[in-house]
């Protein structure tokens, strides 16, 4: 049985505001992640937890899945975009082209195909590769 995707957006937990500031989930969020791993909800050892959360987002019923690049790359606080209550150093994080590897592309393609997020239509006058017969 399949269900149509519903409207909504599922974001990684560190993308949401908290009492500790955006991108700083605090002890409660880490405890929840530990619960998910321990309870095998994510079917994971937790060794590659950022990819486990990426997979959970792709597997969700949300129509739109947004993965912050910092999460995709498995960055910690060094990938923060801003520091709440700070007027300096915000929005300065950048990634280098070499940060994204073929492995990232392969994993994203696999998740996209596995969870039915591959576009199956034409965009303007461009026919997408996966639609070719």
Protein backbone atom coordinates (compact mmCIF):
# COMPACT_ATOMS: atom_id res chain seq x y z
CA UNK A 1 0.00 0.00 0.00
CA UNK A 2 1.33 3.43 -0.86
CA UNK A 3 0.22 6.82 0.30
CA UNK A 4 0.52 10.04 -1.67
CA UNK A 5 2.98 12.53 -0.34
CA UNK A 6 1.33 15.28 1.66
CA UNK A 7 2.21 18.90 1.81
CA UNK A 8 4.79 19.94 4.33
CA UNK A 9 8.50 20.20 4.77
CA UNK A 10 10.60 18.03 7.04
CA UNK A 11 13.85 19.64 8.08
CA UNK A 12 16.81 18.28 9.97
CA UNK A 13 16.48 18.96 13.68
CA UNK A 14 19.44 21.33 13.80
CA UNK A 15 17.70 23.58 11.28
CA UNK A 16 14.98 24.42 13.77
CA UNK A 17 15.15 27.16 16.39
CA UNK A 18 15.59 26.12 19.99
CA UNK A 19 16.26 27.80 23.30
CA UNK A 20 19.93 27.28 22.44
CA UNK A 21 19.76 29.07 19.07
CA UNK A 22 19.27 27.85 15.53
CA UNK A 23 21.66 25.05 14.72
CA UNK A 24 22.37 24.27 18.37
CA UNK A 25 19.87 21.59 19.33
CA UNK A 26 20.90 21.24 22.97
CA UNK A 27 20.94 18.18 25.19
CA UNK A 28 17.27 17.31 24.63
CA UNK A 29 17.73 16.94 20.87
CA UNK A 30 20.84 14.81 21.30
CA UNK A 31 18.95 12.63 23.79
CA UNK A 32 16.14 12.24 21.25
CA UNK A 33 18.65 11.23 18.55
CA UNK A 34 20.12 8.67 20.95
CA UNK A 35 16.59 7.37 21.58
CA UNK A 36 15.99 6.99 17.84
CA UNK A 37 19.23 5.06 17.41
CA UNK A 38 18.79 2.91 20.53
CA UNK A 39 15.19 2.15 19.60
CA UNK A 40 16.27 1.13 16.10
CA UNK A 41 13.74 3.60 14.73
CA UNK A 42 16.27 4.66 12.16
CA UNK A 43 17.65 1.11 11.77
CA UNK A 44 21.17 2.34 12.38
CA UNK A 45 24.17 1.99 14.61
CA UNK A 46 24.44 5.77 14.77
CA UNK A 47 27.92 5.69 13.27
CA UNK A 48 26.82 7.73 10.25
CA UNK A 49 23.96 9.56 11.96
CA UNK A 50 23.85 12.54 9.62
CA UNK A 51 23.11 10.21 6.69
CA UNK A 52 20.53 8.41 8.82
CA UNK A 53 18.68 11.69 9.27
CA UNK A 54 19.04 12.50 5.56
CA UNK A 55 17.49 9.10 4.79
CA UNK A 56 14.67 9.76 7.27
CA UNK A 57 13.88 13.06 5.54
CA UNK A 58 13.80 11.40 2.10
CA UNK A 59 11.62 8.58 3.48
CA UNK A 60 9.12 10.96 5.04
CA UNK A 61 5.67 11.65 3.64
CA UNK A 62 6.57 15.32 3.21
CA UNK A 63 6.20 16.55 -0.36
CA UNK A 64 9.39 18.58 -0.12
CA UNK A 65 12.61 17.36 1.49
CA UNK A 66 15.25 19.96 2.29
CA UNK A 67 18.66 18.90 3.51
CA UNK A 68 21.00 21.62 4.73
CA UNK A 69 24.39 21.16 3.08
CA UNK A 70 26.13 21.25 6.45
CA UNK A 71 24.11 18.19 7.49
CA UNK A 72 24.84 16.41 4.23
CA UNK A 73 28.55 16.96 4.82
CA UNK A 74 28.29 15.83 8.44
CA UNK A 75 29.60 19.09 9.85
CA UNK A 76 29.34 20.11 13.46
CA UNK A 77 29.41 23.59 14.87
CA UNK A 78 32.04 24.63 12.31
CA UNK A 79 29.23 24.63 9.74
CA UNK A 80 26.92 26.98 11.59
CA UNK A 81 25.44 29.78 9.51
CA UNK A 82 24.91 32.17 12.37
CA UNK A 83 25.22 32.67 16.09
CA UNK A 84 22.09 34.05 17.74
CA UNK A 85 22.57 37.35 19.54
CA UNK A 86 25.78 37.96 17.61
CA UNK A 87 26.37 40.71 15.09
CA UNK A 88 29.69 39.38 13.77
CA UNK A 89 30.70 36.29 11.86
CA UNK A 90 27.16 35.42 10.72
CA UNK A 91 26.43 34.00 7.28
CA UNK A 92 30.11 33.51 6.54
CA UNK A 93 30.21 29.71 6.19
CA UNK A 94 31.06 28.57 2.66
CA UNK A 95 31.73 25.20 1.13
CA UNK A 96 34.43 24.33 -1.36
CA UNK A 97 33.65 22.44 -4.56
CA UNK A 98 35.87 19.56 -3.42
CA UNK A 99 33.75 19.13 -0.26
CA UNK A 100 31.08 17.47 -2.42
CA UNK A 101 32.30 14.13 -3.73
CA UNK A 102 31.00 11.46 -6.08
CA UNK A 103 30.06 9.48 -2.98
CA UNK A 104 27.67 12.27 -1.92
CA UNK A 105 26.11 12.22 -5.38
CA UNK A 106 25.77 8.45 -5.42
CA UNK A 107 24.16 8.35 -1.99
CA UNK A 108 21.74 11.15 -2.87
CA UNK A 109 20.81 9.48 -6.16
CA UNK A 110 20.22 6.18 -4.34
CA UNK A 111 18.00 7.84 -1.73
CA UNK A 112 16.15 9.83 -4.40
CA UNK A 113 15.37 6.67 -6.37
CA UNK A 114 14.67 4.50 -3.32
CA UNK A 115 12.10 6.89 -1.90
CA UNK A 116 10.44 7.88 -5.16
CA UNK A 117 11.70 11.45 -5.27
CA UNK A 118 13.00 11.22 -8.84
CA UNK A 119 11.17 13.67 -11.12
CA UNK A 120 9.12 11.91 -13.80
CA UNK A 121 8.18 14.87 -15.95
CA UNK A 122 9.54 17.42 -18.35
CA UNK A 123 10.79 20.73 -17.02
CA UNK A 124 10.13 23.35 -19.66
CA UNK A 125 11.62 22.02 -22.86
CA UNK A 126 14.22 19.86 -21.10
CA UNK A 127 13.55 16.16 -20.86
CA UNK A 128 15.12 14.68 -17.74
CA UNK A 129 17.53 11.74 -18.13
CA UNK A 130 15.47 9.43 -15.96
CA UNK A 131 12.46 9.94 -18.25
CA UNK A 132 14.25 8.70 -21.37
CA UNK A 133 12.98 5.42 -22.65
